[in-house]
Structure formats: C-alpha cells, structure tokens
Amino acid sequence: MISIASPDLGDAERDRVDAVISDGQLADGPVVREFESEFAAFCGADHAVATTNGTTALHAAFEALGVGDGDTVVTTPFSFVASANAVRHAGAEPVFADVDPQTLTLDPESVADVVARHDDVAAILAVHLYGTPAEMRPLRNIATDHGLPLVEDAAQAHGATYRGSTVGTLGDVACFSFYPTKNMTAGEGGMVTTSHDGVAERVRRFCDHGRTSGYEHATVGHNFRMTSLCAAIGRAQLEKLPAFNEARRENAAALTDRLSATSVETPVDPAHVRSVYHQYTVRADDREALRDHLADCGVDTGVYYPVPIHKQPAYADVRASLPVAERAADRVLSLPVHPGLSPEDLDVIADAVASFEPARSDAATERTVIDS
C-alpha cells in the first residue's frame, strides 16, 4: 500500500536527540531556544516561541492578543477542529465564514460580510489549508479596516509563500504544528511566530505558567513548553524542509499532469501563491467509490475533512449556512504526495485514478439507450 504520509527521519535526527540525552537538559533547554531562533529566521519573523503542539500554539496566540470571554473570532469551517477549539479554549466563540470554491481557504467576501454582521469580533483566523496560503492581502485589509488582529493557522504550510512572503509573517501572529504527518516534524510540537515584541513576550509567559522570572508568576498560564528532545528533531527537520517541500511540489506537478484528463478535479493554486502541498487534494463526485477503488489498487487516501466544523456535534449550537464548505466536505480526497514517493509510486497512483469509472447518472444511462 502506498501510504498517505511517511515521516522521514534518520541519522541527523538521531544524532541531535543523542546529543540532548548526553547533555541531560531534556525539558525546556538551550536546544529549544536554538530551534526558535532558526525557525524565526526561516520564516523571516522577529520572534518564534515553541509550544507543545499546534493547538496550544493557537491557544497561546489568542491569549496573547487578549481574545477571550464575550469575543468572537471569524474563521473557516473547513479545517481540522483544532482551529475552532483553540478559540473556545481562550474563552471566545468562533463564527464561520464560507470558503473560496477554488482554494477552499477563507473567502474574503464572506469574511467581510460576517464581520459587518457582528459587533463582537476580536480577531480573524485564516487557515492555510493543505499547504496553500489563504488570500491574506484582502483579509489583511478587512482586519485593518476594523482594527482586528489577523492570525495565521499555518499548521499545514511550513515554507509556503504568498506574494513572495513566507507564511508566518503575513498576519500579526502565526501558529505552526510539528505533528508527525506535517511537512516537517518534531515528533510533536508547535510554534508561534510574530514580529510584535509584546505578543511574543505574552505568548512565552503564558506557555510557562505566567512566569516572569524565577518563581514569580505575573499571570495564570499553562505548561505549554516544548521539550528539548522535540526541538532536537525539529532542528534537523528544518534543515531538510526546503528539499521536502520541493519534492512535494514536484510530485504534485506530476500528478496534476497525469490526472488532467481523468474524472477528478485537481487542485489549482493562484499564480501569486506557492503551495507546499501538505496534501494533494482532488475533488470527485463519487468520492467513496473512488476511494474504495484506489484502496483496491494499493493506494492509501485521506479525507480532510469529511464534516465541516459547524456540523460537528461539539458545535451543535452553531447555526450557519456555508454551502461551499459543505459541498467540499462531500467531494475532497487527498492522494499521497509526500517526499518518499518514487516515480513508480506516482505511476501507480495516476494509473489507479485514471482507471476509475464513475457511476453514470440515470440521465446519462437513458441517453445512451436512446442513442443506441
């Protein structure tokens, strides 16, 4: 079976972890500070603060921005539920705008409409879905016009660019995940990037029990600190990330070329966007049949995400009509695109999709009978 994801770790990661074990500073040690500095430089941000995972990175970012009780945050319903959960962890409520039918990231026109209808919006949270940056220029304009901070959920987009700028620098604060299936991993972990000194200070303090120095704690916080072991893996992976991303882009280009004449709708990136293809996501009207067919051909797939957040049981109190997101949830299917794929693997994937025969509608069947 050709897997949907395949983390690539080797001697470089082992050597970094061994060095931490030998040093003995396993928790929040100097290796974490080095990882933060290197990741900030990679993104072009002034600050990076490491956390335990992408969800705690988002939570800490909202706390640092002062988002809390009585506030709402405009975000996408088409994302992993952690995006909205982090808003609630901070004490606020998510309100959902619809997504763009091409990129499936936040639709700025829908965001503007939602912001205009709510007087309690405290922030906008844009998700760079599948490794493709959201339309940050118009979202930034909306945020500026209404005096709102703009937050990037960049959990799937390490190294992606929008109009020449790297994600992690496009909003007021950005959050990353280093879960094993991401474009780079730390085993587990997250990162907050920002160029606002005060935001960085408040994030760091919140992630360390509100600590200001020694055993002085100015505010209530959490223990969201990254371990040195995770940071060691992350440092080695960051060095490999450009090559990982380039391999994903090459694999995506090969699949798009091979699948252009098939029944699936392939992903299309705007010219001003450079996706890093965390997922290569096609759309198909007969998705479940296609998925079964691909499994029979030895190709693993994933559906990200089959239920929009506003339709999840945990958000049963949310009332929203978001037809583009709901339609996408019924049609999306992610194919393997990771750097571990061989040319032969790509052939198997493309041939499997090409050999799929979608179910014909009754109308099409009737026309065939009449024509005959």
Protein backbone atom coordinates (compact mmCIF):
# COMPACT_ATOMS: atom_id res chain seq x y z
CA MET A 1 0.00 0.00 0.00
CA ILE A 2 1.33 3.44 -0.94
CA SER A 3 0.85 5.41 2.28
CA ILE A 4 -0.82 8.81 2.53
CA ALA A 5 2.02 10.03 4.78
CA SER A 6 5.56 8.87 5.53
CA PRO A 7 7.65 10.83 8.08
CA ASP A 8 11.30 10.96 7.00
CA LEU A 9 13.67 10.70 9.98
CA GLY A 10 17.21 9.35 10.01
CA ASP A 11 20.72 9.73 11.36
CA ALA A 12 20.60 13.53 11.62
CA GLU A 13 17.61 13.37 13.96
CA ARG A 14 19.17 10.53 16.00
CA ASP A 15 22.41 12.44 16.41
CA ARG A 16 20.59 15.57 17.63
CA VAL A 17 18.49 13.56 20.09
CA ASP A 18 21.56 11.68 21.35
CA ALA A 19 23.29 14.99 22.00
CA VAL A 20 20.36 16.19 24.13
CA ILE A 21 20.29 12.93 26.08
CA SER A 22 24.02 13.19 26.71
CA ASP A 23 23.66 16.80 27.81
CA GLY A 24 20.84 15.90 30.20
CA GLN A 25 18.70 19.04 29.67
CA LEU A 26 15.62 17.25 28.42
CA ALA A 27 12.94 19.84 29.12
CA ASP A 28 12.98 23.50 28.07
CA GLY A 29 16.72 23.73 27.42
CA PRO A 30 19.01 25.71 25.10
CA VAL A 31 18.19 23.45 22.15
CA VAL A 32 14.63 24.83 22.26
CA ARG A 33 15.97 28.40 22.11
CA GLU A 34 18.13 27.44 19.11
CA PHE A 35 15.15 25.89 17.32
CA GLU A 36 13.08 29.01 17.98
CA SER A 37 15.80 31.27 16.60
CA GLU A 38 16.30 29.14 13.50
CA PHE A 39 12.58 28.84 12.79
CA ALA A 40 12.05 32.60 13.18
CA ALA A 41 14.86 33.21 10.69
CA PHE A 42 13.39 30.67 8.27
CA CYS A 43 10.04 32.48 8.29
CA GLY A 44 11.51 35.98 8.41
CA ALA A 45 9.80 36.77 11.71
CA ASP A 46 11.38 38.61 14.64
CA HIS A 47 10.26 36.05 17.21
CA ALA A 48 9.33 32.37 17.47
CA VAL A 49 8.08 30.67 20.63
CA ALA A 50 7.97 26.87 20.79
CA THR A 51 4.95 25.08 22.27
CA THR A 52 3.76 21.52 22.84
CA ASN A 53 1.62 21.34 19.67
CA GLY A 54 -0.24 23.37 17.09
CA THR A 55 -3.40 23.66 19.19
CA THR A 56 -1.58 25.10 22.20
CA ALA A 57 0.23 27.48 19.83
CA LEU A 58 -3.15 28.84 18.70
CA HIS A 59 -4.48 29.00 22.26
CA ALA A 60 -1.41 30.88 23.45
CA ALA A 61 -1.65 33.29 20.50
CA PHE A 62 -5.25 34.20 21.31
CA GLU A 63 -4.39 34.68 24.99
CA ALA A 64 -1.50 36.96 23.99
CA LEU A 65 -3.84 39.00 21.78
CA GLY A 66 -6.33 39.44 24.61
CA VAL A 67 -9.06 37.43 22.88
CA GLY A 68 -11.42 35.98 25.48
CA ASP A 69 -14.84 35.99 27.10
CA GLY A 70 -17.50 37.82 25.11
CA ASP A 71 -15.42 37.86 21.93
CA THR A 72 -15.87 36.09 18.62
CA VAL A 73 -13.25 35.07 16.07
CA VAL A 74 -14.09 34.79 12.37
CA THR A 75 -12.61 31.64 10.88
CA THR A 76 -13.17 28.81 8.43
CA PRO A 77 -15.46 25.82 8.96
CA PHE A 78 -13.28 23.74 6.63
CA SER A 79 -10.28 22.82 8.75
CA PHE A 80 -9.25 20.41 11.46
CA VAL A 81 -11.41 21.11 14.50
CA ALA A 82 -8.39 22.36 16.48
CA SER A 83 -8.70 25.75 14.75
CA ALA A 84 -12.08 26.41 16.33
CA ASN A 85 -11.29 24.55 19.55
CA ALA A 86 -8.40 26.91 20.27
CA VAL A 87 -10.80 29.85 20.04
CA ARG A 88 -13.03 28.25 22.66
CA HIS A 89 -10.05 27.34 24.86
CA ALA A 90 -9.31 31.07 25.02
CA GLY A 91 -12.90 31.73 26.14
CA ALA A 92 -14.17 33.16 22.85
CA GLU A 93 -16.54 31.74 20.24
CA PRO A 94 -15.81 31.00 16.58
CA VAL A 95 -18.11 32.42 13.91
CA PHE A 96 -17.72 30.88 10.50
CA ALA A 97 -17.33 32.42 7.05
CA ASP A 98 -17.51 30.33 3.89
CA VAL A 99 -14.53 29.30 1.78
CA ASP A 100 -13.34 30.12 -1.70
CA PRO A 101 -14.55 27.47 -4.19
CA GLN A 102 -11.11 27.19 -5.82
CA THR A 103 -8.63 27.17 -2.92
CA LEU A 104 -11.04 26.15 -0.11
CA THR A 105 -9.40 28.76 2.14
CA LEU A 106 -11.35 31.63 3.70
CA ASP A 107 -13.38 33.67 1.23
CA PRO A 108 -12.61 37.36 1.99
CA GLU A 109 -16.05 38.49 0.79
CA SER A 110 -17.73 36.08 3.19
CA VAL A 111 -15.42 37.25 5.98
CA ALA A 112 -16.29 40.89 5.32
CA ASP A 113 -20.00 40.02 5.50
CA VAL A 114 -19.59 38.16 8.80
CA VAL A 115 -17.53 40.96 10.34
CA ALA A 116 -20.16 43.50 9.28
CA ARG A 117 -22.91 41.48 10.98
CA HIS A 118 -21.13 41.01 14.32
CA ASP A 119 -20.06 43.74 16.71
CA ASP A 120 -18.06 41.43 18.97
CA VAL A 121 -15.39 40.21 16.53
CA ALA A 122 -11.95 40.31 18.18
CA ALA A 123 -9.81 38.60 15.51
CA ILE A 124 -9.73 36.85 12.14
CA LEU A 125 -8.18 33.38 11.95
CA ALA A 126 -7.11 32.28 8.46
CA VAL A 127 -6.11 28.66 7.84
CA HIS A 128 -3.55 27.87 5.13
CA LEU A 129 -5.30 24.68 4.08
CA TYR A 130 -3.44 21.74 2.50
CA GLY A 131 -0.26 23.85 2.34
CA THR A 132 -1.86 26.66 0.30
CA PRO A 133 -1.86 30.16 1.82
CA ALA A 134 -5.19 31.90 2.31
CA GLU A 135 -5.87 35.17 0.47
CA MET A 136 -4.03 37.27 3.03
CA ARG A 137 -3.99 40.66 1.26
CA PRO A 138 -7.77 41.21 1.26
CA LEU A 139 -8.04 39.57 4.69
CA ARG A 140 -5.40 41.98 5.97
CA ASN A 141 -7.36 44.89 4.52
CA ILE A 142 -10.52 43.76 6.32
CA ALA A 143 -8.60 43.32 9.57
CA THR A 144 -7.01 46.75 9.28
CA ASP A 145 -10.29 48.47 8.44
CA HIS A 146 -11.90 47.06 11.58
CA GLY A 147 -8.88 47.23 13.88
CA LEU A 148 -8.63 43.44 14.23
CA PRO A 149 -5.57 41.21 14.61
CA LEU A 150 -5.08 38.69 11.82
CA VAL A 151 -3.93 35.21 12.91
CA GLU A 152 -2.46 32.55 10.61
CA ASP A 153 -3.07 28.86 11.25
CA ALA A 154 -0.04 27.67 9.31
CA ALA A 155 -0.06 24.12 10.71
CA GLN A 156 0.00 22.69 7.17
CA ALA A 157 2.05 25.31 5.36
CA HIS A 158 5.67 25.42 6.59
CA GLY A 159 7.60 27.31 3.91
CA ALA A 160 4.67 28.23 1.68
CA THR A 161 4.68 31.75 0.25
CA TYR A 162 2.08 34.36 -0.64
CA ARG A 163 3.08 37.17 -2.99
CA GLY A 164 6.72 36.42 -2.21
CA SER A 165 6.39 36.45 1.59
CA THR A 166 6.69 33.34 3.71
CA VAL A 167 3.74 32.24 5.83
CA GLY A 168 4.38 33.04 9.45
CA THR A 169 4.87 36.71 8.59
CA LEU A 170 1.60 37.50 6.78
CA GLY A 171 -0.51 38.22 9.88
CA ASP A 172 0.06 39.65 13.32
CA VAL A 173 0.82 36.19 14.68
CA ALA A 174 1.09 32.72 13.14
CA CYS A 175 0.93 29.19 14.51
CA PHE A 176 2.57 26.00 13.26
CA SER A 177 2.32 22.30 14.09
CA PHE A 178 5.09 19.71 14.04
CA TYR A 179 2.85 16.64 14.19
CA PRO A 180 4.47 13.58 12.52
CA THR A 181 2.49 13.88 9.28
CA LYS A 182 3.29 17.56 8.69
CA ASN A 183 5.82 18.76 6.09
CA MET A 184 8.38 18.73 8.90
CA THR A 185 8.04 17.15 12.32
CA ALA A 186 9.47 17.40 15.80
CA GLY A 187 7.71 14.21 16.88
CA GLU A 188 5.13 16.61 18.32
CA GLY A 189 5.21 20.33 18.94
CA GLY A 190 4.12 23.75 17.79
CA MET A 191 5.50 27.22 17.16
CA VAL A 192 4.17 30.77 17.36
CA THR A 193 5.81 33.39 15.14
CA THR A 194 5.31 37.14 15.32
CA SER A 195 7.17 40.40 14.82
CA HIS A 196 5.34 42.08 17.72
CA ASP A 197 7.59 42.15 20.77
CA GLY A 198 4.70 42.33 23.25
CA VAL A 199 2.83 39.43 21.67
CA ALA A 200 5.94 37.25 21.77
CA GLU A 201 6.55 38.08 25.42
CA ARG A 202 2.96 37.29 26.40
CA VAL A 203 2.98 34.00 24.44
CA ARG A 204 6.20 32.91 26.13
CA ARG A 205 4.87 33.86 29.55
CA PHE A 206 1.53 32.09 29.02
CA CYS A 207 3.32 28.90 27.91
CA ASP A 208 5.41 28.91 31.11
CA HIS A 209 2.77 29.24 33.87
CA GLY A 210 2.71 33.02 33.56
CA ARG A 211 6.33 33.17 34.73
CA THR A 212 8.22 36.46 34.58
CA SER A 213 11.37 35.34 36.41
CA GLY A 214 12.38 32.59 38.80
CA TYR A 215 9.29 31.68 40.80
CA GLU A 216 7.47 34.94 40.10
CA HIS A 217 4.27 34.41 38.10
CA ALA A 218 2.54 37.59 36.94
CA THR A 219 -0.42 35.85 35.30
CA VAL A 220 -2.06 32.44 35.19
CA GLY A 221 -0.71 30.32 32.37
CA HIS A 222 -0.19 26.75 31.25
CA ASN A 223 2.75 24.41 30.82
CA PHE A 224 2.91 24.50 27.02
CA ARG A 225 6.72 24.23 26.87
CA MET A 226 8.38 22.16 24.14
CA THR A 227 10.87 19.52 25.24
CA SER A 228 14.49 19.65 24.16
CA LEU A 229 14.06 16.22 22.59
CA CYS A 230 11.34 17.53 20.27
CA ALA A 231 13.36 20.64 19.46
CA ALA A 232 16.35 18.50 18.55
CA ILE A 233 14.30 16.60 15.99
CA GLY A 234 12.75 19.84 14.76
CA ARG A 235 16.15 21.46 14.14
CA ALA A 236 17.26 18.54 11.96
CA GLN A 237 13.95 18.53 10.09
CA LEU A 238 14.05 22.28 9.46
CA GLU A 239 17.32 21.83 7.59
CA LYS A 240 15.60 19.29 5.34
CA LEU A 241 12.36 21.23 4.91
CA PRO A 242 13.22 23.07 1.64
CA ALA A 243 14.09 19.76 -0.03
CA PHE A 244 10.95 18.12 1.40
CA ASN A 245 8.78 20.94 0.06
CA GLU A 246 10.37 20.89 -3.37
CA ALA A 247 9.78 17.14 -3.63
CA ARG A 248 6.13 17.63 -2.69
CA ARG A 249 5.74 20.31 -5.35
CA GLU A 250 7.37 18.11 -7.99
CA ASN A 251 5.15 15.17 -7.04
CA ALA A 252 2.08 17.42 -7.14
CA ALA A 253 3.02 18.74 -10.59
CA ALA A 254 3.49 15.19 -11.88
CA LEU A 255 0.09 14.12 -10.54
CA THR A 256 -1.67 17.17 -11.95
CA ASP A 257 -0.17 16.49 -15.37
CA ARG A 258 -1.23 12.84 -15.28
CA LEU A 259 -4.71 13.44 -13.84
CA SER A 260 -5.79 16.36 -16.02
CA ALA A 261 -7.79 14.10 -18.35
CA THR A 262 -9.42 11.99 -15.61
CA SER A 263 -12.74 12.38 -13.84
CA VAL A 264 -11.28 14.14 -10.78
CA GLU A 265 -10.85 17.87 -10.25
CA THR A 266 -7.20 18.61 -9.48
CA PRO A 267 -6.00 21.38 -7.15
CA VAL A 268 -5.16 24.75 -8.69
CA ASP A 269 -3.04 27.40 -6.98
CA PRO A 270 -3.31 31.10 -7.80
CA ALA A 271 -0.25 32.47 -9.59
CA HIS A 272 0.80 34.55 -6.56
CA VAL A 273 0.80 31.54 -4.24
CA ARG A 274 3.46 28.86 -3.75
CA SER A 275 1.83 25.88 -2.08
CA VAL A 276 3.92 23.28 -0.26
CA TYR A 277 1.29 20.56 -0.76
CA HIS A 278 0.88 19.21 2.72
CA GLN A 279 -1.96 17.38 0.98
CA TYR A 280 -2.65 16.84 -2.69
CA THR A 281 -6.43 17.08 -2.64
CA VAL A 282 -8.63 16.30 -5.61
CA ARG A 283 -12.40 16.54 -5.74
CA ALA A 284 -14.71 13.82 -7.01
CA ASP A 285 -18.49 13.48 -7.14
CA ASP A 286 -18.25 9.74 -6.46
CA ARG A 287 -15.60 10.05 -3.76
CA GLU A 288 -16.31 6.95 -1.70
CA ALA A 289 -16.35 4.71 -4.76
CA LEU A 290 -13.10 6.28 -5.94
CA ARG A 291 -11.56 5.77 -2.51
CA ASP A 292 -12.54 2.10 -2.49
CA HIS A 293 -11.14 1.68 -5.99
CA LEU A 294 -7.82 3.26 -5.02
CA ALA A 295 -7.56 1.04 -1.94
CA ASP A 296 -8.06 -1.99 -4.19
CA CYS A 297 -5.19 -0.66 -6.32
CA GLY A 298 -2.90 -0.32 -3.28
CA VAL A 299 -3.18 3.46 -2.85
CA ASP A 300 -3.90 4.91 0.58
CA THR A 301 -6.02 8.08 0.70
CA GLY A 302 -7.42 10.50 3.26
CA VAL A 303 -10.50 12.69 3.57
CA TYR A 304 -9.60 16.04 5.14
CA TYR A 305 -12.26 16.91 6.25
CA PRO A 306 -15.50 14.91 5.90
CA VAL A 307 -17.54 17.02 8.34
CA PRO A 308 -17.22 20.83 8.45
CA ILE A 309 -16.65 22.18 11.96
CA HIS A 310 -20.06 23.83 12.17
CA LYS A 311 -21.63 20.39 11.57
CA GLN A 312 -19.62 18.68 14.31
CA PRO A 313 -21.54 17.52 17.44
CA ALA A 314 -19.29 19.72 19.60
CA TYR A 315 -20.61 22.74 17.66
CA ALA A 316 -24.26 21.71 17.53
CA ASP A 317 -25.23 25.14 18.88
CA VAL A 318 -23.79 26.87 15.80
CA ARG A 319 -26.25 27.89 13.11
CA ALA A 320 -24.66 28.67 9.77
CA SER A 321 -25.28 28.12 6.06
CA LEU A 322 -21.91 27.56 4.38
CA PRO A 323 -22.65 25.80 1.10
CA VAL A 324 -19.17 25.89 -0.44
CA ALA A 325 -17.54 24.30 2.60
CA GLU A 326 -20.33 21.73 2.89
CA ARG A 327 -20.02 20.79 -0.77
CA ALA A 328 -16.24 20.48 -0.49
CA ALA A 329 -16.55 18.18 2.53
CA ASP A 330 -18.55 15.78 0.37
CA ARG A 331 -16.06 15.74 -2.51
CA VAL A 332 -12.45 16.14 -1.28
CA LEU A 333 -9.99 13.24 -1.38
CA SER A 334 -6.28 13.51 -0.64
CA LEU A 335 -3.78 11.38 -2.54
CA PRO A 336 -0.20 10.58 -1.48
CA VAL A 337 2.22 13.41 -2.33
CA HIS A 338 4.93 13.06 0.33
CA PRO A 339 8.68 13.13 -0.50
CA GLY A 340 9.03 9.37 -0.03
CA LEU A 341 7.16 8.58 -3.24
CA SER A 342 9.11 7.03 -6.09
CA PRO A 343 8.40 7.64 -9.80
CA GLU A 344 6.87 4.17 -9.84
CA ASP A 345 4.57 5.12 -6.95
CA LEU A 346 3.37 8.17 -8.86
CA ASP A 347 2.65 5.96 -11.86
CA VAL A 348 0.59 3.59 -9.70
CA ILE A 349 -1.39 6.49 -8.20
CA ALA A 350 -2.08 8.14 -11.55
CA ASP A 351 -2.96 4.87 -13.28
CA ALA A 352 -5.31 3.94 -10.45
CA VAL A 353 -7.20 7.23 -10.69
CA ALA A 354 -7.31 7.03 -14.48
CA SER A 355 -8.76 3.50 -14.38
CA PHE A 356 -11.65 4.54 -12.14
CA GLU A 357 -15.03 4.60 -13.85
CA PRO A 358 -17.51 6.87 -12.07
CA ALA A 359 -21.07 5.70 -11.69
CA ARG A 360 -23.20 7.01 -14.52
CA SER A 361 -26.28 9.02 -13.71
CA ASP A 362 -29.74 7.76 -14.73
CA ALA A 363 -29.96 10.58 -17.27
CA ALA A 364 -26.68 9.55 -18.88
CA THR A 365 -27.77 5.90 -19.00
CA GLU A 366 -31.09 6.87 -20.58
CA ARG A 367 -29.33 8.93 -23.26
CA THR A 368 -27.07 6.01 -24.09
CA VAL A 369 -30.06 3.67 -24.55
CA ILE A 370 -31.88 6.19 -26.76
CA ASP A 371 -28.78 6.91 -28.84
CA SER A 372 -28.24 3.24 -29.44
